[in-house]
Amino acid sequence: MRISSPSFVALVSVFAVSALAAAPAQAAAPPGDWSLAVERLFGITRTSVDSDGGDANYTSLSLLAKVGGEYGYSAPRFAFDYLLGSGVSFGVALGYHSASDNGSDAWLIAPRVGYFARPGRSFGLWPRVGLTQVVFDYGSYSDTATALTLEMPLEFFASPGVAFTLTPHADIGIGGSASGVDRSLTEIGLQFGVNLFL
């Protein structure tokens, strides 16, 4: 895995600074104890493949699924998070994607921790960090990909318990394999979703 690109370093730096800046700005408690969300419903991603068998890059626009059966971490997913009164959160996202053009089923699990800051009644910031694991099942064999996931959801509240979410994210590949060859996938993107707070 190679993560020497200045764009990766810049993105991680922006994420860290934003997370630190969000903490003192918290002006209100989280909007609920639980968050139920449908994440990465549509958006744009740039994926880099780093493999012993060759490297590749591609950009995808998606609507309810990764288009063209391309590999990546941005299949739609359901997410469940528990929020403490302090704003700290613990959660997991679960996803599934089927690509008929290459006959694969992809299963995803992404545990994460975060901090929900609400500087105003109609807006929230929710920096999160976690791991994302994807298994691409082809029936007779499977491929895997693992990433360190950094997200900065921007929550726009339509009502006290419902928010539309704009999420810049970086899934930085830290491992995986394809057909027995070491491979890592890194994905940077901007995705949209919906949150329900209870």
N, C-alpha and C. Protein backbone atom coordinates (compact mmCIF):
# COMPACT_ATOMS: atom_id res chain seq x y z
N MET A 1 0.84 -1.18 0.00
CA MET A 1 0.00 0.00 0.00
C MET A 1 0.88 1.24 0.00
N ARG A 2 0.52 2.21 -0.87
CA ARG A 2 1.27 3.46 -0.92
C ARG A 2 0.32 4.61 -0.62
N ILE A 3 0.61 5.36 0.44
CA ILE A 3 -0.20 6.52 0.80
C ILE A 3 0.72 7.73 0.91
N SER A 4 1.45 8.02 -0.15
CA SER A 4 2.39 9.13 -0.13
C SER A 4 1.85 10.34 -0.87
N SER A 5 0.71 10.19 -1.51
CA SER A 5 0.15 11.28 -2.30
C SER A 5 -0.17 12.49 -1.42
N PRO A 6 0.23 13.69 -1.85
CA PRO A 6 -0.08 14.89 -1.08
C PRO A 6 -1.58 15.09 -0.87
N SER A 7 -2.40 14.63 -1.83
CA SER A 7 -3.84 14.81 -1.66
C SER A 7 -4.37 14.00 -0.48
N PHE A 8 -3.83 12.79 -0.24
CA PHE A 8 -4.26 12.00 0.91
C PHE A 8 -3.86 12.69 2.20
N VAL A 9 -2.62 13.18 2.24
CA VAL A 9 -2.14 13.86 3.44
C VAL A 9 -2.98 15.10 3.71
N ALA A 10 -3.28 15.86 2.67
CA ALA A 10 -4.10 17.07 2.84
C ALA A 10 -5.49 16.72 3.34
N LEU A 11 -6.11 15.68 2.77
CA LEU A 11 -7.45 15.29 3.18
C LEU A 11 -7.49 14.86 4.64
N VAL A 12 -6.51 14.05 5.05
CA VAL A 12 -6.46 13.61 6.45
C VAL A 12 -6.24 14.81 7.37
N SER A 13 -5.41 15.76 6.96
CA SER A 13 -5.16 16.96 7.77
C SER A 13 -6.42 17.80 7.93
N VAL A 14 -7.16 17.98 6.82
CA VAL A 14 -8.40 18.75 6.89
C VAL A 14 -9.39 18.05 7.82
N PHE A 15 -9.48 16.73 7.72
CA PHE A 15 -10.39 15.98 8.59
C PHE A 15 -10.03 16.19 10.06
N ALA A 16 -8.75 16.07 10.40
CA ALA A 16 -8.31 16.20 11.79
C ALA A 16 -8.57 17.60 12.33
N VAL A 17 -8.25 18.62 11.53
CA VAL A 17 -8.47 20.01 11.97
C VAL A 17 -9.96 20.27 12.15
N SER A 18 -10.79 19.79 11.21
CA SER A 18 -12.24 19.99 11.31
C SER A 18 -12.80 19.32 12.55
N ALA A 19 -12.32 18.11 12.86
CA ALA A 19 -12.81 17.39 14.03
C ALA A 19 -12.46 18.15 15.30
N LEU A 20 -11.23 18.69 15.38
CA LEU A 20 -10.83 19.45 16.56
C LEU A 20 -11.60 20.76 16.67
N ALA A 21 -11.85 21.39 15.53
CA ALA A 21 -12.57 22.67 15.55
C ALA A 21 -14.03 22.47 15.92
N ALA A 22 -14.59 21.31 15.59
CA ALA A 22 -16.01 21.07 15.86
C ALA A 22 -16.28 20.92 17.35
N ALA A 23 -15.35 20.36 18.10
CA ALA A 23 -15.59 20.06 19.51
C ALA A 23 -15.95 21.28 20.34
N PRO A 24 -15.16 22.38 20.31
CA PRO A 24 -15.54 23.51 21.15
C PRO A 24 -16.75 24.26 20.63
N ALA A 25 -17.15 24.01 19.38
CA ALA A 25 -18.27 24.75 18.81
C ALA A 25 -19.62 24.15 19.20
N GLN A 26 -19.61 23.03 19.90
CA GLN A 26 -20.87 22.38 20.22
C GLN A 26 -21.73 23.29 21.09
N ALA A 27 -22.93 23.61 20.60
CA ALA A 27 -23.81 24.52 21.31
C ALA A 27 -25.08 23.83 21.78
N ALA A 28 -25.29 22.61 21.33
CA ALA A 28 -26.51 21.90 21.71
C ALA A 28 -26.21 20.41 21.80
N ALA A 29 -26.99 19.70 22.57
CA ALA A 29 -26.82 18.25 22.72
C ALA A 29 -27.16 17.56 21.40
N PRO A 30 -26.70 16.33 21.22
CA PRO A 30 -27.08 15.58 20.03
C PRO A 30 -28.61 15.49 19.93
N PRO A 31 -29.14 15.32 18.72
CA PRO A 31 -30.59 15.34 18.52
C PRO A 31 -31.32 14.09 19.01
N GLY A 32 -30.62 13.11 19.53
CA GLY A 32 -31.26 11.90 20.03
C GLY A 32 -30.22 10.94 20.56
N ASP A 33 -30.69 9.86 21.19
CA ASP A 33 -29.77 8.84 21.69
C ASP A 33 -29.34 7.87 20.60
N TRP A 34 -30.19 7.70 19.57
CA TRP A 34 -29.91 6.75 18.49
C TRP A 34 -30.01 7.44 17.15
N SER A 35 -29.18 7.01 16.23
CA SER A 35 -29.27 7.46 14.84
C SER A 35 -29.46 6.23 13.97
N LEU A 36 -30.48 6.27 13.12
CA LEU A 36 -30.70 5.25 12.09
C LEU A 36 -30.54 5.98 10.76
N ALA A 37 -29.71 5.44 9.89
CA ALA A 37 -29.41 6.17 8.65
C ALA A 37 -29.34 5.24 7.46
N VAL A 38 -29.62 5.81 6.31
CA VAL A 38 -29.31 5.19 5.03
C VAL A 38 -28.24 6.08 4.42
N GLU A 39 -27.04 5.52 4.27
CA GLU A 39 -25.87 6.29 3.86
C GLU A 39 -25.43 5.94 2.45
N ARG A 40 -24.73 6.88 1.83
CA ARG A 40 -24.13 6.70 0.50
C ARG A 40 -25.17 6.28 -0.54
N LEU A 41 -26.30 6.97 -0.52
CA LEU A 41 -27.36 6.69 -1.49
C LEU A 41 -26.97 7.10 -2.90
N PHE A 42 -26.31 8.24 -3.01
CA PHE A 42 -25.78 8.65 -4.31
C PHE A 42 -24.63 9.62 -4.09
N GLY A 43 -23.78 9.72 -5.10
CA GLY A 43 -22.65 10.61 -4.99
C GLY A 43 -21.59 10.33 -6.04
N ILE A 44 -20.40 10.85 -5.78
CA ILE A 44 -19.28 10.70 -6.70
C ILE A 44 -18.07 10.21 -5.91
N THR A 45 -17.30 9.29 -6.51
CA THR A 45 -16.11 8.76 -5.85
C THR A 45 -14.96 8.64 -6.84
N ARG A 46 -13.76 8.71 -6.30
CA ARG A 46 -12.53 8.45 -7.05
C ARG A 46 -11.84 7.29 -6.36
N THR A 47 -11.65 6.18 -7.06
CA THR A 47 -11.08 4.97 -6.47
C THR A 47 -9.72 4.67 -7.08
N SER A 48 -8.77 4.34 -6.21
CA SER A 48 -7.42 3.94 -6.64
C SER A 48 -7.20 2.49 -6.22
N VAL A 49 -6.72 1.68 -7.16
CA VAL A 49 -6.41 0.28 -6.90
C VAL A 49 -4.90 0.14 -6.89
N ASP A 50 -4.36 -0.36 -5.78
CA ASP A 50 -2.92 -0.59 -5.63
C ASP A 50 -2.72 -2.09 -5.48
N SER A 51 -2.19 -2.71 -6.53
CA SER A 51 -2.13 -4.17 -6.56
C SER A 51 -0.80 -4.64 -7.10
N ASP A 52 -0.36 -5.83 -6.64
CA ASP A 52 0.83 -6.45 -7.22
C ASP A 52 0.62 -6.78 -8.69
N GLY A 53 -0.64 -6.89 -9.10
CA GLY A 53 -0.96 -7.19 -10.49
C GLY A 53 -1.14 -5.96 -11.36
N GLY A 54 -0.95 -4.76 -10.80
CA GLY A 54 -1.10 -3.51 -11.56
C GLY A 54 -1.99 -2.52 -10.84
N ASP A 55 -1.77 -1.25 -11.08
CA ASP A 55 -2.54 -0.17 -10.46
C ASP A 55 -3.56 0.38 -11.43
N ALA A 56 -4.63 0.98 -10.89
CA ALA A 56 -5.66 1.58 -11.73
C ALA A 56 -6.38 2.66 -10.93
N ASN A 57 -7.00 3.59 -11.65
CA ASN A 57 -7.81 4.65 -11.04
C ASN A 57 -9.08 4.82 -11.85
N TYR A 58 -10.18 5.12 -11.19
CA TYR A 58 -11.41 5.42 -11.91
C TYR A 58 -12.33 6.27 -11.04
N THR A 59 -13.21 6.97 -11.73
CA THR A 59 -14.19 7.83 -11.08
C THR A 59 -15.57 7.26 -11.36
N SER A 60 -16.43 7.24 -10.33
CA SER A 60 -17.78 6.70 -10.48
C SER A 60 -18.82 7.69 -9.97
N LEU A 61 -19.90 7.79 -10.72
CA LEU A 61 -21.11 8.44 -10.24
C LEU A 61 -22.07 7.33 -9.88
N SER A 62 -22.72 7.42 -8.73
CA SER A 62 -23.61 6.33 -8.33
C SER A 62 -24.96 6.87 -7.91
N LEU A 63 -25.98 6.07 -8.14
CA LEU A 63 -27.33 6.34 -7.68
C LEU A 63 -27.90 5.02 -7.17
N LEU A 64 -27.95 4.87 -5.85
CA LEU A 64 -28.45 3.67 -5.17
C LEU A 64 -27.57 2.44 -5.33
N ALA A 65 -26.45 2.54 -6.04
CA ALA A 65 -25.53 1.40 -6.18
C ALA A 65 -24.27 1.88 -6.87
N LYS A 66 -23.19 1.14 -6.69
CA LYS A 66 -21.99 1.41 -7.48
C LYS A 66 -22.30 1.02 -8.92
N VAL A 67 -22.03 1.91 -9.85
CA VAL A 67 -22.37 1.63 -11.24
C VAL A 67 -21.30 0.77 -11.88
N GLY A 68 -21.70 0.00 -12.88
CA GLY A 68 -20.76 -0.76 -13.69
C GLY A 68 -20.04 -1.88 -12.95
N GLY A 69 -20.47 -2.23 -11.73
CA GLY A 69 -19.82 -3.30 -11.00
C GLY A 69 -18.43 -2.96 -10.51
N GLU A 70 -18.07 -1.68 -10.52
CA GLU A 70 -16.73 -1.28 -10.08
C GLU A 70 -16.57 -1.56 -8.59
N TYR A 71 -15.35 -1.91 -8.21
CA TYR A 71 -15.05 -2.14 -6.80
C TYR A 71 -15.04 -0.83 -6.05
N GLY A 72 -15.28 -0.92 -4.75
CA GLY A 72 -15.20 0.26 -3.90
C GLY A 72 -16.00 0.05 -2.63
N TYR A 73 -16.04 1.08 -1.82
CA TYR A 73 -16.68 1.00 -0.51
C TYR A 73 -18.03 1.71 -0.45
N SER A 74 -18.47 2.32 -1.54
CA SER A 74 -19.62 3.21 -1.46
C SER A 74 -20.94 2.63 -1.93
N ALA A 75 -21.16 1.36 -1.68
CA ALA A 75 -22.51 0.82 -1.87
C ALA A 75 -23.41 1.40 -0.79
N PRO A 76 -24.70 1.60 -1.08
CA PRO A 76 -25.61 2.08 -0.03
C PRO A 76 -25.56 1.16 1.19
N ARG A 77 -25.76 1.75 2.36
CA ARG A 77 -25.66 0.99 3.61
C ARG A 77 -26.63 1.52 4.65
N PHE A 78 -27.03 0.63 5.55
CA PHE A 78 -27.80 1.02 6.72
C PHE A 78 -26.81 1.21 7.87
N ALA A 79 -27.06 2.22 8.69
CA ALA A 79 -26.14 2.49 9.80
C ALA A 79 -26.91 2.72 11.08
N PHE A 80 -26.33 2.27 12.18
CA PHE A 80 -26.91 2.41 13.51
C PHE A 80 -25.83 2.98 14.42
N ASP A 81 -26.13 4.09 15.07
CA ASP A 81 -25.17 4.71 15.98
C ASP A 81 -25.84 5.06 17.29
N TYR A 82 -25.10 4.90 18.39
CA TYR A 82 -25.56 5.33 19.72
C TYR A 82 -24.79 6.59 20.09
N LEU A 83 -25.51 7.64 20.48
CA LEU A 83 -24.90 8.91 20.81
C LEU A 83 -25.02 9.18 22.31
N LEU A 84 -23.89 9.44 22.96
CA LEU A 84 -23.89 9.83 24.36
C LEU A 84 -24.25 11.32 24.46
N GLY A 85 -24.65 11.74 25.64
CA GLY A 85 -24.98 13.15 25.85
C GLY A 85 -23.82 14.08 25.58
N SER A 86 -22.60 13.58 25.71
CA SER A 86 -21.40 14.38 25.45
C SER A 86 -21.15 14.59 23.96
N GLY A 87 -21.85 13.83 23.11
CA GLY A 87 -21.64 13.92 21.67
C GLY A 87 -20.85 12.77 21.10
N VAL A 88 -20.17 11.98 21.94
CA VAL A 88 -19.40 10.83 21.47
C VAL A 88 -20.38 9.77 20.95
N SER A 89 -20.04 9.13 19.84
CA SER A 89 -20.93 8.13 19.25
C SER A 89 -20.17 6.85 18.92
N PHE A 90 -20.92 5.75 18.94
CA PHE A 90 -20.40 4.43 18.59
C PHE A 90 -21.41 3.79 17.64
N GLY A 91 -20.94 3.24 16.53
CA GLY A 91 -21.90 2.68 15.60
C GLY A 91 -21.30 1.71 14.62
N VAL A 92 -22.16 1.24 13.70
CA VAL A 92 -21.75 0.32 12.66
C VAL A 92 -22.63 0.54 11.43
N ALA A 93 -22.05 0.38 10.26
CA ALA A 93 -22.80 0.43 9.00
C ALA A 93 -22.70 -0.94 8.35
N LEU A 94 -23.80 -1.36 7.72
CA LEU A 94 -23.88 -2.65 7.04
C LEU A 94 -24.38 -2.42 5.62
N GLY A 95 -23.70 -3.02 4.64
CA GLY A 95 -24.11 -2.80 3.26
C GLY A 95 -24.03 -4.05 2.41
N TYR A 96 -24.70 -3.99 1.26
CA TYR A 96 -24.71 -5.09 0.30
C TYR A 96 -24.81 -4.49 -1.10
N HIS A 97 -24.10 -5.12 -2.04
CA HIS A 97 -24.13 -4.67 -3.43
C HIS A 97 -24.00 -5.88 -4.34
N SER A 98 -24.84 -5.95 -5.35
CA SER A 98 -24.76 -7.04 -6.32
C SER A 98 -24.46 -6.45 -7.69
N ALA A 99 -23.47 -7.01 -8.38
CA ALA A 99 -23.09 -6.54 -9.71
C ALA A 99 -23.34 -7.65 -10.72
N SER A 100 -24.36 -7.49 -11.54
CA SER A 100 -24.73 -8.55 -12.49
C SER A 100 -23.70 -8.70 -13.60
N ASP A 101 -22.95 -7.62 -13.93
CA ASP A 101 -22.01 -7.71 -15.04
C ASP A 101 -20.78 -8.56 -14.72
N ASN A 102 -20.43 -8.69 -13.43
CA ASN A 102 -19.30 -9.57 -13.11
C ASN A 102 -19.68 -10.69 -12.14
N GLY A 103 -20.97 -10.80 -11.82
CA GLY A 103 -21.46 -11.91 -11.02
C GLY A 103 -21.05 -11.89 -9.56
N SER A 104 -20.76 -10.71 -9.02
CA SER A 104 -20.30 -10.65 -7.63
C SER A 104 -21.37 -10.11 -6.70
N ASP A 105 -21.29 -10.56 -5.45
CA ASP A 105 -22.06 -9.98 -4.35
C ASP A 105 -21.04 -9.41 -3.38
N ALA A 106 -21.26 -8.18 -2.94
CA ALA A 106 -20.32 -7.55 -2.01
C ALA A 106 -21.03 -7.30 -0.69
N TRP A 107 -20.39 -7.73 0.39
CA TRP A 107 -20.91 -7.54 1.74
C TRP A 107 -19.96 -6.61 2.49
N LEU A 108 -20.53 -5.66 3.24
CA LEU A 108 -19.72 -4.64 3.88
C LEU A 108 -20.10 -4.49 5.34
N ILE A 109 -19.09 -4.32 6.20
CA ILE A 109 -19.31 -3.97 7.61
C ILE A 109 -18.32 -2.87 7.96
N ALA A 110 -18.80 -1.85 8.68
CA ALA A 110 -17.97 -0.68 8.97
C ALA A 110 -18.24 -0.16 10.38
N PRO A 111 -17.55 -0.68 11.41
CA PRO A 111 -17.68 -0.11 12.75
C PRO A 111 -16.96 1.23 12.82
N ARG A 112 -17.49 2.15 13.66
CA ARG A 112 -16.88 3.47 13.75
C ARG A 112 -17.17 4.15 15.08
N VAL A 113 -16.37 5.16 15.41
CA VAL A 113 -16.61 6.05 16.54
C VAL A 113 -16.61 7.47 16.00
N GLY A 114 -17.30 8.37 16.72
CA GLY A 114 -17.36 9.74 16.24
C GLY A 114 -17.68 10.72 17.34
N TYR A 115 -17.87 11.95 16.93
CA TYR A 115 -18.23 13.02 17.85
C TYR A 115 -19.24 13.92 17.16
N PHE A 116 -20.45 14.00 17.70
CA PHE A 116 -21.51 14.82 17.09
C PHE A 116 -21.49 16.21 17.72
N ALA A 117 -21.25 17.22 16.90
CA ALA A 117 -21.27 18.62 17.36
C ALA A 117 -22.43 19.32 16.66
N ARG A 118 -23.19 20.08 17.41
CA ARG A 118 -24.35 20.76 16.85
C ARG A 118 -24.25 22.25 17.14
N PRO A 119 -23.58 22.99 16.27
CA PRO A 119 -23.42 24.42 16.51
C PRO A 119 -24.70 25.22 16.37
N GLY A 120 -25.73 24.65 15.78
CA GLY A 120 -27.01 25.34 15.64
C GLY A 120 -28.15 24.34 15.58
N ARG A 121 -29.38 24.83 15.66
CA ARG A 121 -30.56 23.94 15.66
C ARG A 121 -30.73 23.20 14.34
N SER A 122 -30.32 23.81 13.24
CA SER A 122 -30.58 23.21 11.93
C SER A 122 -29.35 22.59 11.28
N PHE A 123 -28.23 22.53 12.01
CA PHE A 123 -26.99 22.04 11.39
C PHE A 123 -26.14 21.29 12.40
N GLY A 124 -25.50 20.20 11.95
CA GLY A 124 -24.60 19.44 12.80
C GLY A 124 -23.38 18.96 12.02
N LEU A 125 -22.29 18.75 12.74
CA LEU A 125 -21.06 18.17 12.20
C LEU A 125 -20.80 16.88 12.94
N TRP A 126 -20.39 15.83 12.21
CA TRP A 126 -20.24 14.54 12.86
C TRP A 126 -18.98 13.83 12.37
N PRO A 127 -17.78 14.30 12.75
CA PRO A 127 -16.57 13.59 12.33
C PRO A 127 -16.53 12.18 12.90
N ARG A 128 -16.14 11.21 12.04
CA ARG A 128 -16.09 9.80 12.47
C ARG A 128 -14.86 9.13 11.89
N VAL A 129 -14.38 8.12 12.61
CA VAL A 129 -13.27 7.31 12.13
C VAL A 129 -13.60 5.85 12.42
N GLY A 130 -13.21 4.97 11.51
CA GLY A 130 -13.49 3.55 11.72
C GLY A 130 -12.77 2.69 10.71
N LEU A 131 -13.16 1.44 10.65
CA LEU A 131 -12.63 0.49 9.67
C LEU A 131 -13.78 0.01 8.79
N THR A 132 -13.48 -0.21 7.52
CA THR A 132 -14.47 -0.77 6.60
C THR A 132 -13.90 -2.04 5.99
N GLN A 133 -14.68 -3.11 6.07
CA GLN A 133 -14.29 -4.41 5.50
C GLN A 133 -15.32 -4.80 4.45
N VAL A 134 -14.85 -5.12 3.25
CA VAL A 134 -15.73 -5.57 2.17
C VAL A 134 -15.26 -6.93 1.68
N VAL A 135 -16.21 -7.84 1.47
CA VAL A 135 -15.93 -9.15 0.87
C VAL A 135 -16.72 -9.22 -0.43
N PHE A 136 -16.00 -9.44 -1.53
CA PHE A 136 -16.61 -9.60 -2.86
C PHE A 136 -16.71 -11.10 -3.13
N ASP A 137 -17.92 -11.63 -3.17
CA ASP A 137 -18.16 -13.06 -3.30
C ASP A 137 -18.54 -13.40 -4.74
N TYR A 138 -17.73 -14.24 -5.38
CA TYR A 138 -17.99 -14.65 -6.76
C TYR A 138 -18.54 -16.07 -6.85
N GLY A 139 -18.89 -16.66 -5.72
CA GLY A 139 -19.41 -18.01 -5.71
C GLY A 139 -18.32 -19.02 -5.42
N SER A 140 -17.37 -19.18 -6.33
CA SER A 140 -16.29 -20.16 -6.15
C SER A 140 -15.07 -19.57 -5.44
N TYR A 141 -14.99 -18.25 -5.36
CA TYR A 141 -13.89 -17.61 -4.64
C TYR A 141 -14.35 -16.22 -4.20
N SER A 142 -13.55 -15.58 -3.37
CA SER A 142 -13.90 -14.24 -2.90
C SER A 142 -12.66 -13.36 -2.81
N ASP A 143 -12.87 -12.05 -2.98
CA ASP A 143 -11.83 -11.04 -2.81
C ASP A 143 -12.19 -10.20 -1.60
N THR A 144 -11.20 -9.50 -1.03
CA THR A 144 -11.45 -8.68 0.16
C THR A 144 -10.79 -7.32 0.00
N ALA A 145 -11.29 -6.36 0.78
CA ALA A 145 -10.68 -5.03 0.86
C ALA A 145 -10.97 -4.46 2.24
N THR A 146 -9.95 -3.86 2.85
CA THR A 146 -10.08 -3.25 4.17
C THR A 146 -9.55 -1.83 4.10
N ALA A 147 -10.26 -0.90 4.76
CA ALA A 147 -9.85 0.50 4.72
C ALA A 147 -10.01 1.17 6.08
N LEU A 148 -9.15 2.14 6.34
CA LEU A 148 -9.34 3.09 7.43
C LEU A 148 -10.27 4.16 6.88
N THR A 149 -11.42 4.35 7.54
CA THR A 149 -12.44 5.26 7.02
C THR A 149 -12.51 6.54 7.85
N LEU A 150 -12.39 7.67 7.15
CA LEU A 150 -12.55 9.00 7.74
C LEU A 150 -13.75 9.65 7.08
N GLU A 151 -14.71 10.11 7.88
CA GLU A 151 -15.91 10.74 7.36
C GLU A 151 -16.18 12.05 8.11
N MET A 152 -16.80 13.01 7.41
CA MET A 152 -17.22 14.25 8.05
C MET A 152 -18.64 14.57 7.59
N PRO A 153 -19.66 13.82 8.09
CA PRO A 153 -21.03 14.11 7.70
C PRO A 153 -21.45 15.52 8.14
N LEU A 154 -22.08 16.22 7.22
CA LEU A 154 -22.70 17.51 7.50
C LEU A 154 -24.20 17.27 7.54
N GLU A 155 -24.80 17.50 8.70
CA GLU A 155 -26.22 17.17 8.91
C GLU A 155 -27.07 18.43 8.78
N PHE A 156 -28.01 18.42 7.84
CA PHE A 156 -28.93 19.53 7.62
C PHE A 156 -30.32 19.08 8.06
N PHE A 157 -30.83 19.66 9.15
CA PHE A 157 -32.07 19.18 9.76
C PHE A 157 -33.30 19.75 9.07
N ALA A 158 -34.14 18.83 8.56
CA ALA A 158 -35.42 19.22 7.96
C ALA A 158 -36.49 19.35 9.04
N SER A 159 -36.30 18.61 10.15
CA SER A 159 -37.17 18.67 11.33
C SER A 159 -36.29 18.26 12.50
N PRO A 160 -36.78 18.34 13.75
CA PRO A 160 -35.90 18.02 14.89
C PRO A 160 -35.25 16.64 14.84
N GLY A 161 -35.91 15.65 14.23
CA GLY A 161 -35.35 14.31 14.23
C GLY A 161 -34.95 13.77 12.88
N VAL A 162 -35.02 14.59 11.82
CA VAL A 162 -34.70 14.12 10.47
C VAL A 162 -33.69 15.06 9.84
N ALA A 163 -32.62 14.48 9.29
CA ALA A 163 -31.58 15.30 8.66
C ALA A 163 -31.17 14.70 7.32
N PHE A 164 -30.90 15.59 6.39
CA PHE A 164 -30.27 15.19 5.13
C PHE A 164 -28.77 15.34 5.32
N THR A 165 -28.01 14.38 4.80
CA THR A 165 -26.59 14.31 5.10
C THR A 165 -25.74 14.42 3.84
N LEU A 166 -24.74 15.29 3.90
CA LEU A 166 -23.72 15.42 2.87
C LEU A 166 -22.41 14.96 3.51
N THR A 167 -21.79 13.90 2.96
CA THR A 167 -20.64 13.29 3.63
C THR A 167 -19.40 13.23 2.73
N PRO A 168 -18.44 14.11 2.96
CA PRO A 168 -17.12 13.90 2.37
C PRO A 168 -16.45 12.73 3.11
N HIS A 169 -15.77 11.85 2.37
CA HIS A 169 -15.17 10.68 3.03
C HIS A 169 -13.89 10.26 2.34
N ALA A 170 -13.04 9.58 3.10
CA ALA A 170 -11.83 8.95 2.56
C ALA A 170 -11.75 7.56 3.16
N ASP A 171 -11.78 6.55 2.31
CA ASP A 171 -11.58 5.16 2.72
C ASP A 171 -10.17 4.79 2.25
N ILE A 172 -9.22 4.79 3.16
CA ILE A 172 -7.81 4.61 2.82
C ILE A 172 -7.45 3.13 2.95
N GLY A 173 -7.15 2.51 1.82
CA GLY A 173 -6.89 1.08 1.79
C GLY A 173 -5.71 0.67 2.65
N ILE A 174 -5.93 -0.33 3.51
CA ILE A 174 -4.85 -0.83 4.37
C ILE A 174 -4.62 -2.33 4.18
N GLY A 175 -5.38 -2.96 3.29
CA GLY A 175 -5.18 -4.38 3.05
C GLY A 175 -6.24 -4.95 2.14
N GLY A 176 -6.05 -6.22 1.78
CA GLY A 176 -7.01 -6.92 0.94
C GLY A 176 -6.33 -7.79 -0.08
N SER A 177 -7.13 -8.52 -0.84
CA SER A 177 -6.57 -9.41 -1.86
C SER A 177 -7.58 -9.60 -2.98
N ALA A 178 -7.07 -9.94 -4.15
CA ALA A 178 -7.90 -10.25 -5.31
C ALA A 178 -7.24 -11.40 -6.06
N SER A 179 -7.95 -12.52 -6.18
CA SER A 179 -7.43 -13.72 -6.87
C SER A 179 -6.08 -14.13 -6.31
N GLY A 180 -5.94 -14.03 -4.99
CA GLY A 180 -4.71 -14.45 -4.33
C GLY A 180 -3.57 -13.45 -4.39
N VAL A 181 -3.79 -12.29 -5.00
CA VAL A 181 -2.77 -11.25 -5.12
C VAL A 181 -3.10 -10.13 -4.14
N ASP A 182 -2.10 -9.62 -3.42
CA ASP A 182 -2.32 -8.51 -2.50
C ASP A 182 -2.85 -7.30 -3.27
N ARG A 183 -3.90 -6.67 -2.71
CA ARG A 183 -4.49 -5.51 -3.35
C ARG A 183 -5.13 -4.63 -2.30
N SER A 184 -5.00 -3.32 -2.44
CA SER A 184 -5.72 -2.40 -1.56
C SER A 184 -6.49 -1.41 -2.42
N LEU A 185 -7.64 -1.01 -1.92
CA LEU A 185 -8.50 -0.03 -2.59
C LEU A 185 -8.58 1.21 -1.73
N THR A 186 -8.39 2.37 -2.32
CA THR A 186 -8.56 3.64 -1.63
C THR A 186 -9.61 4.44 -2.38
N GLU A 187 -10.55 5.00 -1.64
CA GLU A 187 -11.66 5.72 -2.27
C GLU A 187 -11.88 7.06 -1.57
N ILE A 188 -11.97 8.11 -2.35
CA ILE A 188 -12.30 9.44 -1.84
C ILE A 188 -13.57 9.88 -2.54
N GLY A 189 -14.51 10.46 -1.78
CA GLY A 189 -15.75 10.83 -2.42
C GLY A 189 -16.62 11.79 -1.63
N LEU A 190 -17.76 12.06 -2.22
CA LEU A 190 -18.78 12.91 -1.62
C LEU A 190 -20.11 12.19 -1.82
N GLN A 191 -20.79 11.87 -0.71
CA GLN A 191 -22.00 11.06 -0.77
C GLN A 191 -23.15 11.73 -0.02
N PHE A 192 -24.37 11.35 -0.39
CA PHE A 192 -25.57 11.88 0.23
C PHE A 192 -26.37 10.77 0.91
N GLY A 193 -27.08 11.11 1.98
CA GLY A 193 -27.90 10.14 2.70
C GLY A 193 -28.95 10.82 3.55
N VAL A 194 -29.63 10.02 4.38
CA VAL A 194 -30.70 10.52 5.25
C VAL A 194 -30.54 9.91 6.63
N ASN A 195 -30.72 10.73 7.67
CA ASN A 195 -30.60 10.29 9.06
C ASN A 195 -31.92 10.49 9.81
N LEU A 196 -32.26 9.53 10.66
CA LEU A 196 -33.38 9.63 11.58
C LEU A 196 -32.81 9.51 12.99
N PHE A 197 -33.08 10.52 13.84
CA PHE A 197 -32.58 10.52 15.21
C PHE A 197 -33.73 10.22 16.16
N LEU A 198 -33.51 9.31 17.09
CA LEU A 198 -34.54 8.88 18.04
C LEU A 198 -34.10 9.16 19.46
